[in-house]
Amino acid sequence: MLVASSPATNVIQHLENHGHIYFVIGGTFSEVFMYLVKHDEPLEGNFITYNSYSGEIGVSEKVSTEPNINSFPVIEIKKQDLITEETLEALKKL
């Protein structure tokens, strides 16, 4: 919900590594943070949606034009250096 209420547009990044890791990077003026979640199966859609009225989270193939729904694009990551190898190893066990 914090990410959805952010004034900037956020991108959900997808990395396939012994499962499907979805993460978003955010921050303040002095800190950077990353939220991530791991799924066994890929999400079926190009956008993650958040209904700011009901709190419902969903997946969609296209951007929603509804006034209470925020759409966040999912992009595929081929190579990255933000999540350390140690963290990726720990995520394998989940």
PDB file of N, CA and C in Angstrom:
ATOM      1  N   MET A   1       0.821  -1.177   0.000  1.00  0.00           N
ATOM      2  CA  MET A   1       0.000   0.000   0.000  1.00  0.00           C
ATOM      3  C   MET A   1       0.873   1.250   0.000  1.00  0.00           C
ATOM      4  N   LEU A   2       1.990   1.245   0.705  1.00  0.00           N
ATOM      5  CA  LEU A   2       2.895   2.385   0.710  1.00  0.00           C
ATOM      6  C   LEU A   2       3.370   2.696  -0.697  1.00  0.00           C
ATOM      7  N   VAL A   3       3.708   1.664  -1.450  1.00  0.00           N
ATOM      8  CA  VAL A   3       4.168   1.859  -2.821  1.00  0.00           C
ATOM      9  C   VAL A   3       3.062   2.451  -3.672  1.00  0.00           C
ATOM     10  N   ALA A   4       1.848   1.975  -3.512  1.00  0.00           N
ATOM     11  CA  ALA A   4       0.729   2.459  -4.316  1.00  0.00           C
ATOM     12  C   ALA A   4       0.373   3.897  -3.991  1.00  0.00           C
ATOM     13  N   SER A   5       0.673   4.361  -2.792  1.00  0.00           N
ATOM     14  CA  SER A   5       0.343   5.732  -2.425  1.00  0.00           C
ATOM     15  C   SER A   5       1.464   6.701  -2.755  1.00  0.00           C
ATOM     16  N   SER A   6       2.577   6.196  -3.244  1.00  0.00           N
ATOM     17  CA  SER A   6       3.701   7.042  -3.621  1.00  0.00           C
ATOM     18  C   SER A   6       3.322   7.909  -4.810  1.00  0.00           C
ATOM     19  N   PRO A   7       3.757   9.180  -4.830  1.00  0.00           N
ATOM     20  CA  PRO A   7       3.397  10.049  -5.948  1.00  0.00           C
ATOM     21  C   PRO A   7       4.086   9.680  -7.254  1.00  0.00           C
ATOM     22  N   ALA A   8       5.212   9.010  -7.201  1.00  0.00           N
ATOM     23  CA  ALA A   8       5.942   8.632  -8.416  1.00  0.00           C
ATOM     24  C   ALA A   8       5.397   7.314  -8.965  1.00  0.00           C
ATOM     25  N   THR A   9       5.530   7.126 -10.268  1.00  0.00           N
ATOM     26  CA  THR A   9       5.130   5.867 -10.880  1.00  0.00           C
ATOM     27  C   THR A   9       6.157   4.803 -10.539  1.00  0.00           C
ATOM     28  N   ASN A  10       5.693   3.670 -10.066  1.00  0.00           N
ATOM     29  CA  ASN A  10       6.582   2.577  -9.701  1.00  0.00           C
ATOM     30  C   ASN A  10       6.490   1.466 -10.724  1.00  0.00           C
ATOM     31  N   VAL A  11       7.584   0.764 -10.879  1.00  0.00           N
ATOM     32  CA  VAL A  11       7.656  -0.365 -11.794  1.00  0.00           C
ATOM     33  C   VAL A  11       7.922  -1.610 -10.972  1.00  0.00           C
ATOM     34  N   ILE A  12       7.154  -2.657 -11.225  1.00  0.00           N
ATOM     35  CA  ILE A  12       7.375  -3.941 -10.586  1.00  0.00           C
ATOM     36  C   ILE A  12       8.347  -4.705 -11.475  1.00  0.00           C
ATOM     37  N   GLN A  13       9.459  -5.117 -10.911  1.00  0.00           N
ATOM     38  CA  GLN A  13      10.472  -5.811 -11.690  1.00  0.00           C
ATOM     39  C   GLN A  13      10.381  -7.310 -11.423  1.00  0.00           C
ATOM     40  N   HIS A  14      10.542  -8.107 -12.476  1.00  0.00           N
ATOM     41  CA  HIS A  14      10.402  -9.555 -12.384  1.00  0.00           C
ATOM     42  C   HIS A  14      11.726 -10.212 -12.743  1.00  0.00           C
ATOM     43  N   LEU A  15      12.185 -11.086 -11.878  1.00  0.00           N
ATOM     44  CA  LEU A  15      13.417 -11.835 -12.083  1.00  0.00           C
ATOM     45  C   LEU A  15      13.097 -13.306 -11.864  1.00  0.00           C
ATOM     46  N   GLU A  16      13.442 -14.146 -12.831  1.00  0.00           N
ATOM     47  CA  GLU A  16      13.221 -15.582 -12.669  1.00  0.00           C
ATOM     48  C   GLU A  16      14.497 -16.201 -12.125  1.00  0.00           C
ATOM     49  N   ASN A  17      14.409 -16.788 -10.914  1.00  0.00           N
ATOM     50  CA  ASN A  17      15.563 -17.384 -10.259  1.00  0.00           C
ATOM     51  C   ASN A  17      15.042 -18.411  -9.259  1.00  0.00           C
ATOM     52  N   HIS A  18      14.917 -19.681  -9.683  1.00  0.00           N
ATOM     53  CA  HIS A  18      14.359 -20.737  -8.823  1.00  0.00           C
ATOM     54  C   HIS A  18      12.999 -20.305  -8.283  1.00  0.00           C
ATOM     55  N   GLY A  19      12.193 -19.755  -9.123  1.00  0.00           N
ATOM     56  CA  GLY A  19      10.899 -19.183  -8.771  1.00  0.00           C
ATOM     57  C   GLY A  19      10.811 -17.824  -9.445  1.00  0.00           C
ATOM     58  N   HIS A  20       9.780 -17.106  -9.129  1.00  0.00           N
ATOM     59  CA  HIS A  20       9.573 -15.804  -9.749  1.00  0.00           C
ATOM     60  C   HIS A  20       9.615 -14.743  -8.662  1.00  0.00           C
ATOM     61  N   ILE A  21      10.595 -13.863  -8.745  1.00  0.00           N
ATOM     62  CA  ILE A  21      10.798 -12.818  -7.755  1.00  0.00           C
ATOM     63  C   ILE A  21      10.305 -11.507  -8.359  1.00  0.00           C
ATOM     64  N   TYR A  22       9.397 -10.858  -7.662  1.00  0.00           N
ATOM     65  CA  TYR A  22       8.876  -9.563  -8.081  1.00  0.00           C
ATOM     66  C   TYR A  22       9.317  -8.549  -7.039  1.00  0.00           C
ATOM     67  N   PHE A  23       9.884  -7.427  -7.498  1.00  0.00           N
ATOM     68  CA  PHE A  23      10.340  -6.439  -6.534  1.00  0.00           C
ATOM     69  C   PHE A  23      10.129  -5.024  -7.042  1.00  0.00           C
ATOM     70  N   VAL A  24      10.041  -4.107  -6.094  1.00  0.00           N
ATOM     71  CA  VAL A  24       9.901  -2.686  -6.391  1.00  0.00           C
ATOM     72  C   VAL A  24      10.898  -1.946  -5.509  1.00  0.00           C
ATOM     73  N   ILE A  25      11.491  -0.924  -6.071  1.00  0.00           N
ATOM     74  CA  ILE A  25      12.475  -0.122  -5.356  1.00  0.00           C
ATOM     75  C   ILE A  25      11.844   1.229  -5.054  1.00  0.00           C
ATOM     76  N   GLY A  26      11.993   1.683  -3.837  1.00  0.00           N
ATOM     77  CA  GLY A  26      11.456   2.977  -3.427  1.00  0.00           C
ATOM     78  C   GLY A  26      12.434   3.666  -2.513  1.00  0.00           C
ATOM     79  N   GLY A  27      12.007   4.719  -1.900  1.00  0.00           N
ATOM     80  CA  GLY A  27      12.886   5.385  -0.970  1.00  0.00           C
ATOM     81  C   GLY A  27      12.423   6.766  -0.576  1.00  0.00           C
ATOM     82  N   THR A  28      13.246   7.359   0.252  1.00  0.00           N
ATOM     83  CA  THR A  28      13.048   8.731   0.699  1.00  0.00           C
ATOM     84  C   THR A  28      14.274   9.514   0.271  1.00  0.00           C
ATOM     85  N   PHE A  29      14.407  10.718   0.775  1.00  0.00           N
ATOM     86  CA  PHE A  29      15.587  11.512   0.433  1.00  0.00           C
ATOM     87  C   PHE A  29      16.875  10.895   0.964  1.00  0.00           C
ATOM     88  N   SER A  30      16.788  10.128   2.056  1.00  0.00           N
ATOM     89  CA  SER A  30      18.001   9.603   2.673  1.00  0.00           C
ATOM     90  C   SER A  30      18.101   8.080   2.689  1.00  0.00           C
ATOM     91  N   GLU A  31      17.064   7.376   2.254  1.00  0.00           N
ATOM     92  CA  GLU A  31      17.076   5.916   2.311  1.00  0.00           C
ATOM     93  C   GLU A  31      16.514   5.313   1.036  1.00  0.00           C
ATOM     94  N   VAL A  32      16.984   4.120   0.726  1.00  0.00           N
ATOM     95  CA  VAL A  32      16.447   3.341  -0.387  1.00  0.00           C
ATOM     96  C   VAL A  32      15.977   2.013   0.189  1.00  0.00           C
ATOM     97  N   PHE A  33      14.813   1.539  -0.255  1.00  0.00           N
ATOM     98  CA  PHE A  33      14.326   0.251   0.217  1.00  0.00           C
ATOM     99  C   PHE A  33      13.785  -0.550  -0.953  1.00  0.00           C
ATOM    100  N   MET A  34      13.689  -1.853  -0.747  1.00  0.00           N
ATOM    101  CA  MET A  34      13.187  -2.759  -1.768  1.00  0.00           C
ATOM    102  C   MET A  34      12.199  -3.725  -1.115  1.00  0.00           C
ATOM    103  N   TYR A  35      11.018  -3.824  -1.706  1.00  0.00           N
ATOM    104  CA  TYR A  35      10.051  -4.838  -1.304  1.00  0.00           C
ATOM    105  C   TYR A  35      10.117  -5.941  -2.340  1.00  0.00           C
ATOM    106  N   LEU A  36      10.126  -7.183  -1.898  1.00  0.00           N
ATOM    107  CA  LEU A  36      10.111  -8.277  -2.863  1.00  0.00           C
ATOM    108  C   LEU A  36       9.242  -9.413  -2.369  1.00  0.00           C
ATOM    109  N   VAL A  37       8.751 -10.168  -3.342  1.00  0.00           N
ATOM    110  CA  VAL A  37       7.921 -11.329  -3.051  1.00  0.00           C
ATOM    111  C   VAL A  37       8.305 -12.417  -4.043  1.00  0.00           C
ATOM    112  N   LYS A  38       8.222 -13.679  -3.608  1.00  0.00           N
ATOM    113  CA  LYS A  38       8.558 -14.804  -4.471  1.00  0.00           C
ATOM    114  C   LYS A  38       7.321 -15.670  -4.673  1.00  0.00           C
ATOM    115  N   HIS A  39       7.094 -16.058  -5.929  1.00  0.00           N
ATOM    116  CA  HIS A  39       5.999 -16.965  -6.285  1.00  0.00           C
ATOM    117  C   HIS A  39       6.584 -18.160  -7.023  1.00  0.00           C
ATOM    118  N   ASP A  40       5.935 -19.313  -6.895  1.00  0.00           N
ATOM    119  CA  ASP A  40       6.368 -20.489  -7.649  1.00  0.00           C
ATOM    120  C   ASP A  40       6.024 -20.356  -9.127  1.00  0.00           C
ATOM    121  N   GLU A  41       4.886 -19.760  -9.423  1.00  0.00           N
ATOM    122  CA  GLU A  41       4.418 -19.599 -10.804  1.00  0.00           C
ATOM    123  C   GLU A  41       4.455 -18.122 -11.180  1.00  0.00           C
ATOM    124  N   PRO A  42       4.649 -17.814 -12.464  1.00  0.00           N
ATOM    125  CA  PRO A  42       4.640 -16.400 -12.876  1.00  0.00           C
ATOM    126  C   PRO A  42       3.232 -15.816 -12.785  1.00  0.00           C
ATOM    127  N   LEU A  43       3.152 -14.521 -12.556  1.00  0.00           N
ATOM    128  CA  LEU A  43       1.860 -13.844 -12.562  1.00  0.00           C
ATOM    129  C   LEU A  43       1.358 -13.748 -13.991  1.00  0.00           C
ATOM    130  N   GLU A  44       0.073 -13.917 -14.178  1.00  0.00           N
ATOM    131  CA  GLU A  44      -0.532 -13.878 -15.509  1.00  0.00           C
ATOM    132  C   GLU A  44      -0.998 -12.463 -15.811  1.00  0.00           C
ATOM    133  N   GLY A  45      -0.102 -11.636 -16.301  1.00  0.00           N
ATOM    134  CA  GLY A  45      -0.478 -10.269 -16.645  1.00  0.00           C
ATOM    135  C   GLY A  45       0.733  -9.384 -16.779  1.00  0.00           C
ATOM    136  N   ASN A  46       0.528  -8.229 -17.388  1.00  0.00           N
ATOM    137  CA  ASN A  46       1.605  -7.265 -17.586  1.00  0.00           C
ATOM    138  C   ASN A  46       1.573  -6.137 -16.569  1.00  0.00           C
ATOM    139  N   PHE A  47       0.507  -6.077 -15.773  1.00  0.00           N
ATOM    140  CA  PHE A  47       0.361  -5.019 -14.778  1.00  0.00           C
ATOM    141  C   PHE A  47      -0.158  -5.599 -13.476  1.00  0.00           C
ATOM    142  N   ILE A  48       0.349  -5.081 -12.370  1.00  0.00           N
ATOM    143  CA  ILE A  48      -0.215  -5.372 -11.063  1.00  0.00           C
ATOM    144  C   ILE A  48      -1.099  -4.182 -10.729  1.00  0.00           C
ATOM    145  N   THR A  49      -2.321  -4.450 -10.290  1.00  0.00           N
ATOM    146  CA  THR A  49      -3.266  -3.377 -10.007  1.00  0.00           C
ATOM    147  C   THR A  49      -3.547  -3.298  -8.511  1.00  0.00           C
ATOM    148  N   TYR A  50      -3.812  -2.083  -8.064  1.00  0.00           N
ATOM    149  CA  TYR A  50      -4.155  -1.848  -6.663  1.00  0.00           C
ATOM    150  C   TYR A  50      -5.371  -0.932  -6.614  1.00  0.00           C
ATOM    151  N   ASN A  51      -6.440  -1.400  -5.976  1.00  0.00           N
ATOM    152  CA  ASN A  51      -7.638  -0.601  -5.805  1.00  0.00           C
ATOM    153  C   ASN A  51      -7.497   0.168  -4.498  1.00  0.00           C
ATOM    154  N   SER A  52      -7.311   1.481  -4.589  1.00  0.00           N
ATOM    155  CA  SER A  52      -7.076   2.294  -3.399  1.00  0.00           C
ATOM    156  C   SER A  52      -8.332   2.448  -2.539  1.00  0.00           C
ATOM    157  N   TYR A  53      -9.493   2.110  -3.074  1.00  0.00           N
ATOM    158  CA  TYR A  53     -10.734   2.184  -2.305  1.00  0.00           C
ATOM    159  C   TYR A  53     -10.943   0.918  -1.469  1.00  0.00           C
ATOM    160  N   SER A  54     -10.764  -0.248  -2.091  1.00  0.00           N
ATOM    161  CA  SER A  54     -11.037  -1.515  -1.392  1.00  0.00           C
ATOM    162  C   SER A  54      -9.783  -2.195  -0.849  1.00  0.00           C
ATOM    163  N   GLY A  55      -8.604  -1.804  -1.361  1.00  0.00           N
ATOM    164  CA  GLY A  55      -7.362  -2.453  -0.949  1.00  0.00           C
ATOM    165  C   GLY A  55      -7.060  -3.720  -1.724  1.00  0.00           C
ATOM    166  N   GLU A  56      -7.885  -4.042  -2.707  1.00  0.00           N
ATOM    167  CA  GLU A  56      -7.712  -5.266  -3.495  1.00  0.00           C
ATOM    168  C   GLU A  56      -6.513  -5.145  -4.440  1.00  0.00           C
ATOM    169  N   ILE A  57      -5.725  -6.203  -4.509  1.00  0.00           N
ATOM    170  CA  ILE A  57      -4.577  -6.285  -5.409  1.00  0.00           C
ATOM    171  C   ILE A  57      -4.899  -7.316  -6.473  1.00  0.00           C
ATOM    172  N   GLY A  58      -4.584  -7.000  -7.732  1.00  0.00           N
ATOM    173  CA  GLY A  58      -4.879  -7.921  -8.819  1.00  0.00           C
ATOM    174  C   GLY A  58      -3.834  -7.856  -9.910  1.00  0.00           C
ATOM    175  N   VAL A  59      -4.086  -8.584 -10.980  1.00  0.00           N
ATOM    176  CA  VAL A  59      -3.192  -8.641 -12.135  1.00  0.00           C
ATOM    177  C   VAL A  59      -4.033  -8.383 -13.373  1.00  0.00           C
ATOM    178  N   SER A  60      -3.466  -7.652 -14.339  1.00  0.00           N
ATOM    179  CA  SER A  60      -4.203  -7.313 -15.547  1.00  0.00           C
ATOM    180  C   SER A  60      -3.268  -7.332 -16.746  1.00  0.00           C
ATOM    181  N   GLU A  61      -3.836  -7.563 -17.918  1.00  0.00           N
ATOM    182  CA  GLU A  61      -3.061  -7.518 -19.163  1.00  0.00           C
ATOM    183  C   GLU A  61      -2.871  -6.089 -19.660  1.00  0.00           C
ATOM    184  N   LYS A  62      -3.706  -5.151 -19.167  1.00  0.00           N
ATOM    185  CA  LYS A  62      -3.611  -3.774 -19.650  1.00  0.00           C
ATOM    186  C   LYS A  62      -3.782  -2.789 -18.501  1.00  0.00           C
ATOM    187  N   VAL A  63      -3.425  -1.542 -18.759  1.00  0.00           N
ATOM    188  CA  VAL A  63      -3.555  -0.479 -17.768  1.00  0.00           C
ATOM    189  C   VAL A  63      -5.033  -0.244 -17.478  1.00  0.00           C
ATOM    190  N   SER A  64      -5.362  -0.090 -16.213  1.00  0.00           N
ATOM    191  CA  SER A  64      -6.738   0.212 -15.839  1.00  0.00           C
ATOM    192  C   SER A  64      -6.971   1.716 -15.920  1.00  0.00           C
ATOM    193  N   THR A  65      -8.135   2.103 -16.396  1.00  0.00           N
ATOM    194  CA  THR A  65      -8.496   3.522 -16.462  1.00  0.00           C
ATOM    195  C   THR A  65      -9.502   3.894 -15.378  1.00  0.00           C
ATOM    196  N   GLU A  66      -9.808   2.956 -14.498  1.00  0.00           N
ATOM    197  CA  GLU A  66     -10.723   3.238 -13.392  1.00  0.00           C
ATOM    198  C   GLU A  66     -10.065   4.234 -12.431  1.00  0.00           C
ATOM    199  N   PRO A  67     -10.830   5.187 -11.890  1.00  0.00           N
ATOM    200  CA  PRO A  67     -10.230   6.233 -11.049  1.00  0.00           C
ATOM    201  C   PRO A  67      -9.615   5.743  -9.743  1.00  0.00           C
ATOM    202  N   ASN A  68     -10.107   4.658  -9.176  1.00  0.00           N
ATOM    203  CA  ASN A  68      -9.580   4.164  -7.897  1.00  0.00           C
ATOM    204  C   ASN A  68      -8.526   3.083  -8.055  1.00  0.00           C
ATOM    205  N   ILE A  69      -8.148   2.759  -9.286  1.00  0.00           N
ATOM    206  CA  ILE A  69      -7.202   1.664  -9.507  1.00  0.00           C
ATOM    207  C   ILE A  69      -5.889   2.196 -10.060  1.00  0.00           C
ATOM    208  N   ASN A  70      -4.808   1.844  -9.381  1.00  0.00           N
ATOM    209  CA  ASN A  70      -3.458   2.167  -9.846  1.00  0.00           C
ATOM    210  C   ASN A  70      -2.902   0.946 -10.560  1.00  0.00           C
ATOM    211  N   SER A  71      -2.240   1.173 -11.686  1.00  0.00           N
ATOM    212  CA  SER A  71      -1.625   0.085 -12.452  1.00  0.00           C
ATOM    213  C   SER A  71      -0.116   0.256 -12.442  1.00  0.00           C
ATOM    214  N   PHE A  72       0.586  -0.825 -12.132  1.00  0.00           N
ATOM    215  CA  PHE A  72       2.042  -0.805 -12.084  1.00  0.00           C
ATOM    216  C   PHE A  72       2.582  -1.798 -13.099  1.00  0.00           C
ATOM    217  N   PRO A  73       3.373  -1.345 -14.069  1.00  0.00           N
ATOM    218  CA  PRO A  73       3.883  -2.268 -15.088  1.00  0.00           C
ATOM    219  C   PRO A  73       4.872  -3.268 -14.502  1.00  0.00           C
ATOM    220  N   VAL A  74       4.853  -4.478 -15.051  1.00  0.00           N
ATOM    221  CA  VAL A  74       5.808  -5.523 -14.684  1.00  0.00           C
ATOM    222  C   VAL A  74       6.819  -5.613 -15.815  1.00  0.00           C
ATOM    223  N   ILE A  75       8.099  -5.444 -15.493  1.00  0.00           N
ATOM    224  CA  ILE A  75       9.138  -5.551 -16.518  1.00  0.00           C
ATOM    225  C   ILE A  75      10.028  -6.746 -16.212  1.00  0.00           C
ATOM    226  N   GLU A  76      10.537  -7.351 -17.270  1.00  0.00           N
ATOM    227  CA  GLU A  76      11.396  -8.523 -17.128  1.00  0.00           C
ATOM    228  C   GLU A  76      12.848  -8.077 -16.966  1.00  0.00           C
ATOM    229  N   ILE A  77      13.526  -8.634 -15.977  1.00  0.00           N
ATOM    230  CA  ILE A  77      14.924  -8.322 -15.713  1.00  0.00           C
ATOM    231  C   ILE A  77      15.774  -9.487 -16.214  1.00  0.00           C
ATOM    232  N   LYS A  78      16.719  -9.204 -17.090  1.00  0.00           N
ATOM    233  CA  LYS A  78      17.627 -10.236 -17.603  1.00  0.00           C
ATOM    234  C   LYS A  78      18.845 -10.394 -16.694  1.00  0.00           C
ATOM    235  N   LYS A  79      19.363  -9.271 -16.202  1.00  0.00           N
ATOM    236  CA  LYS A  79      20.557  -9.287 -15.363  1.00  0.00           C
ATOM    237  C   LYS A  79      20.448  -8.125 -14.385  1.00  0.00           C
ATOM    238  N   GLN A  80      20.865  -8.347 -13.140  1.00  0.00           N
ATOM    239  CA  GLN A  80      20.759  -7.305 -12.129  1.00  0.00           C
ATOM    240  C   GLN A  80      21.873  -7.463 -11.107  1.00  0.00           C
ATOM    241  N   ASP A  81      22.125  -6.391 -10.341  1.00  0.00           N
ATOM    242  CA  ASP A  81      23.123  -6.469  -9.275  1.00  0.00           C
ATOM    243  C   ASP A  81      22.605  -5.842  -7.975  1.00  0.00           C
ATOM    244  N   LEU A  82      21.292  -5.725  -7.854  1.00  0.00           N
ATOM    245  CA  LEU A  82      20.703  -5.153  -6.648  1.00  0.00           C
ATOM    246  C   LEU A  82      20.473  -6.196  -5.565  1.00  0.00           C
ATOM    247  N   ILE A  83      20.043  -7.378  -5.955  1.00  0.00           N
ATOM    248  CA  ILE A  83      19.811  -8.460  -5.001  1.00  0.00           C
ATOM    249  C   ILE A  83      21.072  -9.311  -4.977  1.00  0.00           C
ATOM    250  N   THR A  84      21.686  -9.424  -3.812  1.00  0.00           N
ATOM    251  CA  THR A  84      22.958 -10.134  -3.700  1.00  0.00           C
ATOM    252  C   THR A  84      22.783 -11.632  -3.921  1.00  0.00           C
ATOM    253  N   GLU A  85      23.870 -12.297  -4.242  1.00  0.00           N
ATOM    254  CA  GLU A  85      23.850 -13.754  -4.414  1.00  0.00           C
ATOM    255  C   GLU A  85      23.411 -14.451  -3.131  1.00  0.00           C
ATOM    256  N   GLU A  86      23.827 -13.918  -1.981  1.00  0.00           N
ATOM    257  CA  GLU A  86      23.435 -14.509  -0.700  1.00  0.00           C
ATOM    258  C   GLU A  86      21.919 -14.451  -0.520  1.00  0.00           C
ATOM    259  N   THR A  87      21.326 -13.330  -0.889  1.00  0.00           N
ATOM    260  CA  THR A  87      19.873 -13.192  -0.782  1.00  0.00           C
ATOM    261  C   THR A  87      19.175 -14.128  -1.755  1.00  0.00           C
ATOM    262  N   LEU A  88      19.686 -14.232  -2.983  1.00  0.00           N
ATOM    263  CA  LEU A  88      19.097 -15.147  -3.964  1.00  0.00           C
ATOM    264  C   LEU A  88      19.176 -16.589  -3.483  1.00  0.00           C
ATOM    265  N   GLU A  89      20.286 -16.966  -2.851  1.00  0.00           N
ATOM    266  CA  GLU A  89      20.425 -18.315  -2.297  1.00  0.00           C
ATOM    267  C   GLU A  89      19.401 -18.548  -1.190  1.00  0.00           C
ATOM    268  N   ALA A  90      19.203 -17.548  -0.333  1.00  0.00           N
ATOM    269  CA  ALA A  90      18.217 -17.676   0.742  1.00  0.00           C
ATOM    270  C   ALA A  90      16.806 -17.781   0.174  1.00  0.00           C
ATOM    271  N   LEU A  91      16.532 -17.060  -0.907  1.00  0.00           N
ATOM    272  CA  LEU A  91      15.207 -17.107  -1.527  1.00  0.00           C
ATOM    273  C   LEU A  91      14.916 -18.466  -2.147  1.00  0.00           C
ATOM    274  N   LYS A  92      15.947 -19.187  -2.578  1.00  0.00           N
ATOM    275  CA  LYS A  92      15.750 -20.523  -3.146  1.00  0.00           C
ATOM    276  C   LYS A  92      15.087 -21.453  -2.136  1.00  0.00           C
ATOM    277  N   LYS A  93      15.367 -21.235  -0.855  1.00  0.00           N
ATOM    278  CA  LYS A  93      14.870 -22.115   0.201  1.00  0.00           C
ATOM    279  C   LYS A  93      13.426 -21.822   0.595  1.00  0.00           C
ATOM    280  N   LEU A  94      12.889 -20.722   0.140  1.00  0.00           N
ATOM    281  CA  LEU A  94      11.506 -20.359   0.504  1.00  0.00           C
ATOM    282  C   LEU A  94      10.504 -21.113  -0.331  1.00  0.00           C
TER     283      LEU A  94
END
